[in-house]
Amino acid sequence: MKAIWHGTVVAESDDTVVFEGEHYFPEASLKREYTLGSNMRSMCSIKGPATYLSLFVDGDVLPDAVRLHAEPGEAAQAIRGRCVFARGVAIED
């Protein structure tokens, strides 16, 4: 699977996990040269706390486009150490 934004592959892996209808990529598959830090944080009763990164490609920024789950809740252990992408990022096989 590939995560693509602005025609650029920002993550690629054959080891994605589908959870709640979304493909979660291993964090290590994320191409960090296309990310910027973000102060955004969120909490989900199922997925636990999340941190975010923004995508930066060809001078354009997609804020808070990458959600990371380092310590998910018990029911979401399959996404531990994985990331998922916001709308606007195409997920292709």
PDB file of N, CA and C in Angstrom:
ATOM      1  N   MET A   1       0.846  -1.180   0.000  1.00  0.00           N
ATOM      2  CA  MET A   1       0.000   0.000   0.000  1.00  0.00           C
ATOM      3  C   MET A   1       0.892   1.244   0.000  1.00  0.00           C
ATOM      4  N   LYS A   2       0.349   2.298  -0.593  1.00  0.00           N
ATOM      5  CA  LYS A   2       1.061   3.573  -0.653  1.00  0.00           C
ATOM      6  C   LYS A   2       0.139   4.679  -0.162  1.00  0.00           C
ATOM      7  N   ALA A   3       0.713   5.617   0.572  1.00  0.00           N
ATOM      8  CA  ALA A   3       0.024   6.852   0.933  1.00  0.00           C
ATOM      9  C   ALA A   3       0.635   7.941   0.060  1.00  0.00           C
ATOM     10  N   ILE A   4      -0.216   8.634  -0.706  1.00  0.00           N
ATOM     11  CA  ILE A   4       0.270   9.596  -1.698  1.00  0.00           C
ATOM     12  C   ILE A   4      -0.404  10.945  -1.479  1.00  0.00           C
ATOM     13  N   TRP A   5       0.420  11.993  -1.434  1.00  0.00           N
ATOM     14  CA  TRP A   5      -0.109  13.356  -1.358  1.00  0.00           C
ATOM     15  C   TRP A   5       0.677  14.224  -2.326  1.00  0.00           C
ATOM     16  N   HIS A   6      -0.021  15.014  -3.112  1.00  0.00           N
ATOM     17  CA  HIS A   6       0.596  15.883  -4.121  1.00  0.00           C
ATOM     18  C   HIS A   6       1.490  15.103  -5.073  1.00  0.00           C
ATOM     19  N   GLY A   7       1.081  13.877  -5.410  1.00  0.00           N
ATOM     20  CA  GLY A   7       1.832  13.058  -6.338  1.00  0.00           C
ATOM     21  C   GLY A   7       3.089  12.437  -5.770  1.00  0.00           C
ATOM     22  N   THR A   8       3.289  12.571  -4.455  1.00  0.00           N
ATOM     23  CA  THR A   8       4.484  12.045  -3.794  1.00  0.00           C
ATOM     24  C   THR A   8       4.102  10.934  -2.833  1.00  0.00           C
ATOM     25  N   VAL A   9       4.812   9.830  -2.896  1.00  0.00           N
ATOM     26  CA  VAL A   9       4.596   8.730  -1.951  1.00  0.00           C
ATOM     27  C   VAL A   9       5.203   9.144  -0.611  1.00  0.00           C
ATOM     28  N   VAL A  10       4.352   9.295   0.403  1.00  0.00           N
ATOM     29  CA  VAL A  10       4.819   9.720   1.728  1.00  0.00           C
ATOM     30  C   VAL A  10       4.958   8.554   2.695  1.00  0.00           C
ATOM     31  N   ALA A  11       4.410   7.395   2.328  1.00  0.00           N
ATOM     32  CA  ALA A  11       4.587   6.151   3.097  1.00  0.00           C
ATOM     33  C   ALA A  11       4.290   4.989   2.156  1.00  0.00           C
ATOM     34  N   GLU A  12       4.992   3.874   2.395  1.00  0.00           N
ATOM     35  CA  GLU A  12       4.773   2.689   1.576  1.00  0.00           C
ATOM     36  C   GLU A  12       5.086   1.453   2.400  1.00  0.00           C
ATOM     37  N   SER A  13       4.163   0.475   2.372  1.00  0.00           N
ATOM     38  CA  SER A  13       4.377  -0.749   3.134  1.00  0.00           C
ATOM     39  C   SER A  13       3.444  -1.853   2.651  1.00  0.00           C
ATOM     40  N   ASP A  14       3.930  -3.083   2.731  1.00  0.00           N
ATOM     41  CA  ASP A  14       3.097  -4.257   2.487  1.00  0.00           C
ATOM     42  C   ASP A  14       2.473  -4.748   3.785  1.00  0.00           C
ATOM     43  N   ASP A  15       2.754  -4.053   4.880  1.00  0.00           N
ATOM     44  CA  ASP A  15       2.309  -4.458   6.215  1.00  0.00           C
ATOM     45  C   ASP A  15       1.396  -3.403   6.827  1.00  0.00           C
ATOM     46  N   THR A  16       0.235  -3.172   6.196  1.00  0.00           N
ATOM     47  CA  THR A  16      -0.725  -2.245   6.802  1.00  0.00           C
ATOM     48  C   THR A  16      -1.762  -3.049   7.575  1.00  0.00           C
ATOM     49  N   VAL A  17      -2.380  -2.386   8.536  1.00  0.00           N
ATOM     50  CA  VAL A  17      -3.448  -2.974   9.331  1.00  0.00           C
ATOM     51  C   VAL A  17      -4.705  -2.157   9.075  1.00  0.00           C
ATOM     52  N   VAL A  18      -5.785  -2.805   8.706  1.00  0.00           N
ATOM     53  CA  VAL A  18      -7.048  -2.091   8.527  1.00  0.00           C
ATOM     54  C   VAL A  18      -7.791  -2.122   9.851  1.00  0.00           C
ATOM     55  N   PHE A  19      -8.040  -0.930  10.385  1.00  0.00           N
ATOM     56  CA  PHE A  19      -8.733  -0.779  11.661  1.00  0.00           C
ATOM     57  C   PHE A  19      -9.768   0.315  11.473  1.00  0.00           C
ATOM     58  N   GLU A  20     -11.012   0.007  11.788  1.00  0.00           N
ATOM     59  CA  GLU A  20     -12.125   0.938  11.597  1.00  0.00           C
ATOM     60  C   GLU A  20     -12.143   1.504  10.178  1.00  0.00           C
ATOM     61  N   GLY A  21     -11.832   0.647   9.200  1.00  0.00           N
ATOM     62  CA  GLY A  21     -11.923   1.023   7.801  1.00  0.00           C
ATOM     63  C   GLY A  21     -10.766   1.834   7.250  1.00  0.00           C
ATOM     64  N   GLU A  22      -9.722   2.052   8.036  1.00  0.00           N
ATOM     65  CA  GLU A  22      -8.582   2.842   7.586  1.00  0.00           C
ATOM     66  C   GLU A  22      -7.307   2.001   7.609  1.00  0.00           C
ATOM     67  N   HIS A  23      -6.420   2.255   6.643  1.00  0.00           N
ATOM     68  CA  HIS A  23      -5.130   1.560   6.590  1.00  0.00           C
ATOM     69  C   HIS A  23      -4.141   2.258   7.516  1.00  0.00           C
ATOM     70  N   TYR A  24      -3.622   1.512   8.463  1.00  0.00           N
ATOM     71  CA  TYR A  24      -2.585   2.005   9.375  1.00  0.00           C
ATOM     72  C   TYR A  24      -1.247   1.455   8.920  1.00  0.00           C
ATOM     73  N   PHE A  25      -0.323   2.347   8.638  1.00  0.00           N
ATOM     74  CA  PHE A  25       1.008   2.000   8.159  1.00  0.00           C
ATOM     75  C   PHE A  25       1.972   1.912   9.343  1.00  0.00           C
ATOM     76  N   PRO A  26       2.996   1.053   9.247  1.00  0.00           N
ATOM     77  CA  PRO A  26       4.032   1.072  10.286  1.00  0.00           C
ATOM     78  C   PRO A  26       4.671   2.465  10.308  1.00  0.00           C
ATOM     79  N   GLU A  27       4.916   2.976  11.491  1.00  0.00           N
ATOM     80  CA  GLU A  27       5.508   4.314  11.587  1.00  0.00           C
ATOM     81  C   GLU A  27       6.830   4.385  10.817  1.00  0.00           C
ATOM     82  N   ALA A  28       7.584   3.311  10.802  1.00  0.00           N
ATOM     83  CA  ALA A  28       8.876   3.289  10.111  1.00  0.00           C
ATOM     84  C   ALA A  28       8.728   3.445   8.593  1.00  0.00           C
ATOM     85  N   SER A  29       7.536   3.202   8.046  1.00  0.00           N
ATOM     86  CA  SER A  29       7.333   3.335   6.597  1.00  0.00           C
ATOM     87  C   SER A  29       7.090   4.788   6.179  1.00  0.00           C
ATOM     88  N   LEU A  30       6.868   5.656   7.148  1.00  0.00           N
ATOM     89  CA  LEU A  30       6.620   7.072   6.889  1.00  0.00           C
ATOM     90  C   LEU A  30       7.916   7.744   6.444  1.00  0.00           C
ATOM     91  N   LYS A  31       7.875   8.426   5.316  1.00  0.00           N
ATOM     92  CA  LYS A  31       9.059   9.127   4.808  1.00  0.00           C
ATOM     93  C   LYS A  31       9.151  10.485   5.507  1.00  0.00           C
ATOM     94  N   ARG A  32       9.972  10.513   6.540  1.00  0.00           N
ATOM     95  CA  ARG A  32      10.059  11.685   7.420  1.00  0.00           C
ATOM     96  C   ARG A  32      10.510  12.957   6.722  1.00  0.00           C
ATOM     97  N   GLU A  33      11.152  12.824   5.571  1.00  0.00           N
ATOM     98  CA  GLU A  33      11.580  14.039   4.864  1.00  0.00           C
ATOM     99  C   GLU A  33      10.383  14.846   4.371  1.00  0.00           C
ATOM    100  N   TYR A  34       9.191  14.264   4.409  1.00  0.00           N
ATOM    101  CA  TYR A  34       7.975  14.969   3.986  1.00  0.00           C
ATOM    102  C   TYR A  34       7.092  15.366   5.164  1.00  0.00           C
ATOM    103  N   THR A  35       7.627  15.342   6.369  1.00  0.00           N
ATOM    104  CA  THR A  35       6.815  15.687   7.532  1.00  0.00           C
ATOM    105  C   THR A  35       7.365  16.897   8.279  1.00  0.00           C
ATOM    106  N   LEU A  36       6.458  17.545   8.969  1.00  0.00           N
ATOM    107  CA  LEU A  36       6.773  18.652   9.875  1.00  0.00           C
ATOM    108  C   LEU A  36       6.113  18.348  11.204  1.00  0.00           C
ATOM    109  N   GLY A  37       6.677  18.857  12.280  1.00  0.00           N
ATOM    110  CA  GLY A  37       6.079  18.674  13.600  1.00  0.00           C
ATOM    111  C   GLY A  37       4.728  19.359  13.705  1.00  0.00           C
ATOM    112  N   SER A  38       3.961  18.929  14.678  1.00  0.00           N
ATOM    113  CA  SER A  38       2.648  19.514  14.948  1.00  0.00           C
ATOM    114  C   SER A  38       2.415  19.480  16.451  1.00  0.00           C
ATOM    115  N   ASN A  39       1.743  20.488  16.956  1.00  0.00           N
ATOM    116  CA  ASN A  39       1.380  20.516  18.374  1.00  0.00           C
ATOM    117  C   ASN A  39       0.051  19.832  18.648  1.00  0.00           C
ATOM    118  N   MET A  40      -0.620  19.379  17.600  1.00  0.00           N
ATOM    119  CA  MET A  40      -1.939  18.759  17.733  1.00  0.00           C
ATOM    120  C   MET A  40      -1.840  17.458  18.521  1.00  0.00           C
ATOM    121  N   ARG A  41      -2.787  17.262  19.417  1.00  0.00           N
ATOM    122  CA  ARG A  41      -2.922  16.031  20.194  1.00  0.00           C
ATOM    123  C   ARG A  41      -4.406  15.721  20.275  1.00  0.00           C
ATOM    124  N   SER A  42      -4.739  14.440  20.395  1.00  0.00           N
ATOM    125  CA  SER A  42      -6.137  14.058  20.587  1.00  0.00           C
ATOM    126  C   SER A  42      -6.202  12.812  21.448  1.00  0.00           C
ATOM    127  N   MET A  43      -7.414  12.482  21.877  1.00  0.00           N
ATOM    128  CA  MET A  43      -7.635  11.302  22.710  1.00  0.00           C
ATOM    129  C   MET A  43      -8.896  10.615  22.236  1.00  0.00           C
ATOM    130  N   CYS A  44      -8.814   9.301  22.108  1.00  0.00           N
ATOM    131  CA  CYS A  44      -9.959   8.488  21.719  1.00  0.00           C
ATOM    132  C   CYS A  44     -10.130   7.404  22.773  1.00  0.00           C
ATOM    133  N   SER A  45     -11.355   7.108  23.135  1.00  0.00           N
ATOM    134  CA  SER A  45     -11.598   6.088  24.161  1.00  0.00           C
ATOM    135  C   SER A  45     -11.151   4.700  23.706  1.00  0.00           C
ATOM    136  N   ILE A  46     -11.110   4.453  22.412  1.00  0.00           N
ATOM    137  CA  ILE A  46     -10.680   3.151  21.886  1.00  0.00           C
ATOM    138  C   ILE A  46      -9.202   3.165  21.502  1.00  0.00           C
ATOM    139  N   LYS A  47      -8.800   4.173  20.732  1.00  0.00           N
ATOM    140  CA  LYS A  47      -7.434   4.219  20.192  1.00  0.00           C
ATOM    141  C   LYS A  47      -6.427   4.889  21.123  1.00  0.00           C
ATOM    142  N   GLY A  48      -6.898   5.519  22.181  1.00  0.00           N
ATOM    143  CA  GLY A  48      -5.996   6.162  23.129  1.00  0.00           C
ATOM    144  C   GLY A  48      -5.465   7.488  22.614  1.00  0.00           C
ATOM    145  N   PRO A  49      -4.348   7.959  23.190  1.00  0.00           N
ATOM    146  CA  PRO A  49      -3.798   9.253  22.792  1.00  0.00           C
ATOM    147  C   PRO A  49      -3.148   9.184  21.409  1.00  0.00           C
ATOM    148  N   ALA A  50      -3.199  10.308  20.703  1.00  0.00           N
ATOM    149  CA  ALA A  50      -2.577  10.399  19.385  1.00  0.00           C
ATOM    150  C   ALA A  50      -1.785  11.691  19.283  1.00  0.00           C
ATOM    151  N   THR A  51      -0.675  11.606  18.578  1.00  0.00           N
ATOM    152  CA  THR A  51       0.093  12.785  18.201  1.00  0.00           C
ATOM    153  C   THR A  51       0.010  12.906  16.686  1.00  0.00           C
ATOM    154  N   TYR A  52       0.383  14.062  16.174  1.00  0.00           N
ATOM    155  CA  TYR A  52       0.210  14.343  14.755  1.00  0.00           C
ATOM    156  C   TYR A  52       1.473  14.909  14.134  1.00  0.00           C
ATOM    157  N   LEU A  53       1.572  14.739  12.829  1.00  0.00           N
ATOM    158  CA  LEU A  53       2.574  15.395  12.010  1.00  0.00           C
ATOM    159  C   LEU A  53       1.852  16.022  10.826  1.00  0.00           C
ATOM    160  N   SER A  54       2.432  17.068  10.273  1.00  0.00           N
ATOM    161  CA  SER A  54       1.899  17.670   9.054  1.00  0.00           C
ATOM    162  C   SER A  54       2.731  17.169   7.880  1.00  0.00           C
ATOM    163  N   LEU A  55       2.129  17.152   6.700  1.00  0.00           N
ATOM    164  CA  LEU A  55       2.868  16.782   5.496  1.00  0.00           C
ATOM    165  C   LEU A  55       3.337  18.043   4.792  1.00  0.00           C
ATOM    166  N   PHE A  56       4.533  17.995   4.215  1.00  0.00           N
ATOM    167  CA  PHE A  56       5.137  19.117   3.514  1.00  0.00           C
ATOM    168  C   PHE A  56       5.743  18.597   2.218  1.00  0.00           C
ATOM    169  N   VAL A  57       5.112  18.934   1.088  1.00  0.00           N
ATOM    170  CA  VAL A  57       5.568  18.469  -0.224  1.00  0.00           C
ATOM    171  C   VAL A  57       5.545  19.653  -1.193  1.00  0.00           C
ATOM    172  N   ASP A  58       6.647  19.889  -1.862  1.00  0.00           N
ATOM    173  CA  ASP A  58       6.757  20.948  -2.875  1.00  0.00           C
ATOM    174  C   ASP A  58       6.262  22.305  -2.365  1.00  0.00           C
ATOM    175  N   GLY A  59       6.574  22.623  -1.136  1.00  0.00           N
ATOM    176  CA  GLY A  59       6.206  23.921  -0.570  1.00  0.00           C
ATOM    177  C   GLY A  59       4.791  24.001  -0.024  1.00  0.00           C
ATOM    178  N   ASP A  60       3.991  22.948  -0.174  1.00  0.00           N
ATOM    179  CA  ASP A  60       2.627  22.932   0.340  1.00  0.00           C
ATOM    180  C   ASP A  60       2.555  22.121   1.626  1.00  0.00           C
ATOM    181  N   VAL A  61       1.695  22.547   2.529  1.00  0.00           N
ATOM    182  CA  VAL A  61       1.536  21.875   3.821  1.00  0.00           C
ATOM    183  C   VAL A  61       0.107  21.373   3.968  1.00  0.00           C
ATOM    184  N   LEU A  62      -0.027  20.133   4.436  1.00  0.00           N
ATOM    185  CA  LEU A  62      -1.322  19.583   4.826  1.00  0.00           C
ATOM    186  C   LEU A  62      -1.243  19.404   6.340  1.00  0.00           C
ATOM    187  N   PRO A  63      -1.813  20.358   7.100  1.00  0.00           N
ATOM    188  CA  PRO A  63      -1.665  20.322   8.554  1.00  0.00           C
ATOM    189  C   PRO A  63      -2.273  19.071   9.184  1.00  0.00           C
ATOM    190  N   ASP A  64      -1.565  18.558  10.175  1.00  0.00           N
ATOM    191  CA  ASP A  64      -2.060  17.443  11.001  1.00  0.00           C
ATOM    192  C   ASP A  64      -2.551  16.269  10.157  1.00  0.00           C
ATOM    193  N   ALA A  65      -1.845  15.938   9.096  1.00  0.00           N
ATOM    194  CA  ALA A  65      -2.279  14.917   8.143  1.00  0.00           C
ATOM    195  C   ALA A  65      -1.915  13.503   8.559  1.00  0.00           C
ATOM    196  N   VAL A  66      -1.001  13.370   9.513  1.00  0.00           N
ATOM    197  CA  VAL A  66      -0.544  12.049   9.949  1.00  0.00           C
ATOM    198  C   VAL A  66      -0.856  11.901  11.437  1.00  0.00           C
ATOM    199  N   ARG A  67      -1.599  10.854  11.775  1.00  0.00           N
ATOM    200  CA  ARG A  67      -1.938  10.587  13.189  1.00  0.00           C
ATOM    201  C   ARG A  67      -1.157   9.360  13.630  1.00  0.00           C
ATOM    202  N   LEU A  68      -0.449   9.486  14.747  1.00  0.00           N
ATOM    203  CA  LEU A  68       0.403   8.415  15.276  1.00  0.00           C
ATOM    204  C   LEU A  68      -0.162   7.888  16.581  1.00  0.00           C
ATOM    205  N   HIS A  69      -0.128   6.572  16.744  1.00  0.00           N
ATOM    206  CA  HIS A  69      -0.659   5.927  17.947  1.00  0.00           C
ATOM    207  C   HIS A  69       0.439   5.096  18.616  1.00  0.00           C
ATOM    208  N   ALA A  70       1.163   5.694  19.539  1.00  0.00           N
ATOM    209  CA  ALA A  70       2.251   4.987  20.231  1.00  0.00           C
ATOM    210  C   ALA A  70       1.726   4.071  21.335  1.00  0.00           C
ATOM    211  N   GLU A  71       0.671   4.486  22.010  1.00  0.00           N
ATOM    212  CA  GLU A  71       0.126   3.731  23.152  1.00  0.00           C
ATOM    213  C   GLU A  71      -1.394   3.595  23.038  1.00  0.00           C
ATOM    214  N   PRO A  72      -1.890   2.796  22.084  1.00  0.00           N
ATOM    215  CA  PRO A  72      -3.343   2.675  21.914  1.00  0.00           C
ATOM    216  C   PRO A  72      -3.989   1.912  23.066  1.00  0.00           C
ATOM    217  N   GLY A  73      -5.298   2.050  23.171  1.00  0.00           N
ATOM    218  CA  GLY A  73      -6.052   1.319  24.177  1.00  0.00           C
ATOM    219  C   GLY A  73      -6.010  -0.174  23.917  1.00  0.00           C
ATOM    220  N   GLU A  74      -6.464  -0.950  24.880  1.00  0.00           N
ATOM    221  CA  GLU A  74      -6.414  -2.411  24.811  1.00  0.00           C
ATOM    222  C   GLU A  74      -7.099  -2.973  23.558  1.00  0.00           C
ATOM    223  N   ALA A  75      -8.229  -2.388  23.175  1.00  0.00           N
ATOM    224  CA  ALA A  75      -8.978  -2.885  22.024  1.00  0.00           C
ATOM    225  C   ALA A  75      -8.338  -2.516  20.683  1.00  0.00           C
ATOM    226  N   ALA A  76      -7.292  -1.676  20.721  1.00  0.00           N
ATOM    227  CA  ALA A  76      -6.674  -1.205  19.479  1.00  0.00           C
ATOM    228  C   ALA A  76      -5.180  -1.512  19.422  1.00  0.00           C
ATOM    229  N   GLN A  77      -4.754  -2.554  20.081  1.00  0.00           N
ATOM    230  CA  GLN A  77      -3.327  -2.888  20.104  1.00  0.00           C
ATOM    231  C   GLN A  77      -2.753  -3.143  18.708  1.00  0.00           C
ATOM    232  N   ALA A  78      -3.572  -3.516  17.760  1.00  0.00           N
ATOM    233  CA  ALA A  78      -3.101  -3.781  16.398  1.00  0.00           C
ATOM    234  C   ALA A  78      -2.506  -2.536  15.734  1.00  0.00           C
ATOM    235  N   ILE A  79      -2.856  -1.326  16.231  1.00  0.00           N
ATOM    236  CA  ILE A  79      -2.340  -0.105  15.615  1.00  0.00           C
ATOM    237  C   ILE A  79      -1.171   0.503  16.391  1.00  0.00           C
ATOM    238  N   ARG A  80      -0.695  -0.184  17.406  1.00  0.00           N
ATOM    239  CA  ARG A  80       0.455   0.313  18.185  1.00  0.00           C
ATOM    240  C   ARG A  80       1.642   0.551  17.247  1.00  0.00           C
ATOM    241  N   GLY A  81       2.231   1.744  17.340  1.00  0.00           N
ATOM    242  CA  GLY A  81       3.394   2.066  16.525  1.00  0.00           C
ATOM    243  C   GLY A  81       3.090   2.291  15.057  1.00  0.00           C
ATOM    244  N   ARG A  82       1.839   2.591  14.761  1.00  0.00           N
ATOM    245  CA  ARG A  82       1.417   2.792  13.377  1.00  0.00           C
ATOM    246  C   ARG A  82       0.861   4.196  13.189  1.00  0.00           C
ATOM    247  N   CYS A  83       0.714   4.567  11.929  1.00  0.00           N
ATOM    248  CA  CYS A  83       0.168   5.883  11.617  1.00  0.00           C
ATOM    249  C   CYS A  83      -0.912   5.744  10.547  1.00  0.00           C
ATOM    250  N   VAL A  84      -1.796   6.717  10.538  1.00  0.00           N
ATOM    251  CA  VAL A  84      -2.904   6.760   9.590  1.00  0.00           C
ATOM    252  C   VAL A  84      -2.951   8.168   9.016  1.00  0.00           C
ATOM    253  N   PHE A  85      -3.508   8.301   7.824  1.00  0.00           N
ATOM    254  CA  PHE A  85      -3.473   9.566   7.122  1.00  0.00           C
ATOM    255  C   PHE A  85      -4.860  10.210   7.037  1.00  0.00           C
ATOM    256  N   ALA A  86      -4.871  11.539   7.016  1.00  0.00           N
ATOM    257  CA  ALA A  86      -6.101  12.326   6.952  1.00  0.00           C
ATOM    258  C   ALA A  86      -6.653  12.343   5.537  1.00  0.00           C
ATOM    259  N   ARG A  87      -7.883  12.830   5.412  1.00  0.00           N
ATOM    260  CA  ARG A  87      -8.487  13.036   4.101  1.00  0.00           C
ATOM    261  C   ARG A  87      -7.565  13.892   3.256  1.00  0.00           C
ATOM    262  N   GLY A  88      -7.549  13.604   1.989  1.00  0.00           N
ATOM    263  CA  GLY A  88      -6.672  14.341   1.094  1.00  0.00           C
ATOM    264  C   GLY A  88      -5.426  13.557   0.740  1.00  0.00           C
ATOM    265  N   VAL A  89      -5.115  12.546   1.548  1.00  0.00           N
ATOM    266  CA  VAL A  89      -3.991  11.660   1.266  1.00  0.00           C
ATOM    267  C   VAL A  89      -4.581  10.389   0.648  1.00  0.00           C
ATOM    268  N   ALA A  90      -4.179  10.096  -0.575  1.00  0.00           N
ATOM    269  CA  ALA A  90      -4.705   8.917  -1.271  1.00  0.00           C
ATOM    270  C   ALA A  90      -4.006   7.660  -0.787  1.00  0.00           C
ATOM    271  N   ILE A  91      -4.792   6.618  -0.553  1.00  0.00           N
ATOM    272  CA  ILE A  91      -4.252   5.315  -0.196  1.00  0.00           C
ATOM    273  C   ILE A  91      -4.487   4.395  -1.385  1.00  0.00           C
ATOM    274  N   GLU A  92      -3.382   3.898  -1.954  1.00  0.00           N
ATOM    275  CA  GLU A  92      -3.471   3.079  -3.162  1.00  0.00           C
ATOM    276  C   GLU A  92      -2.723   1.776  -2.968  1.00  0.00           C
ATOM    277  N   ASP A  93      -3.202   0.769  -3.673  1.00  0.00           N
ATOM    278  CA  ASP A  93      -2.576  -0.566  -3.620  1.00  0.00           C
ATOM    279  C   ASP A  93      -1.341  -0.624  -4.501  1.00  0.00           C
TER     280      ASP A  93
END
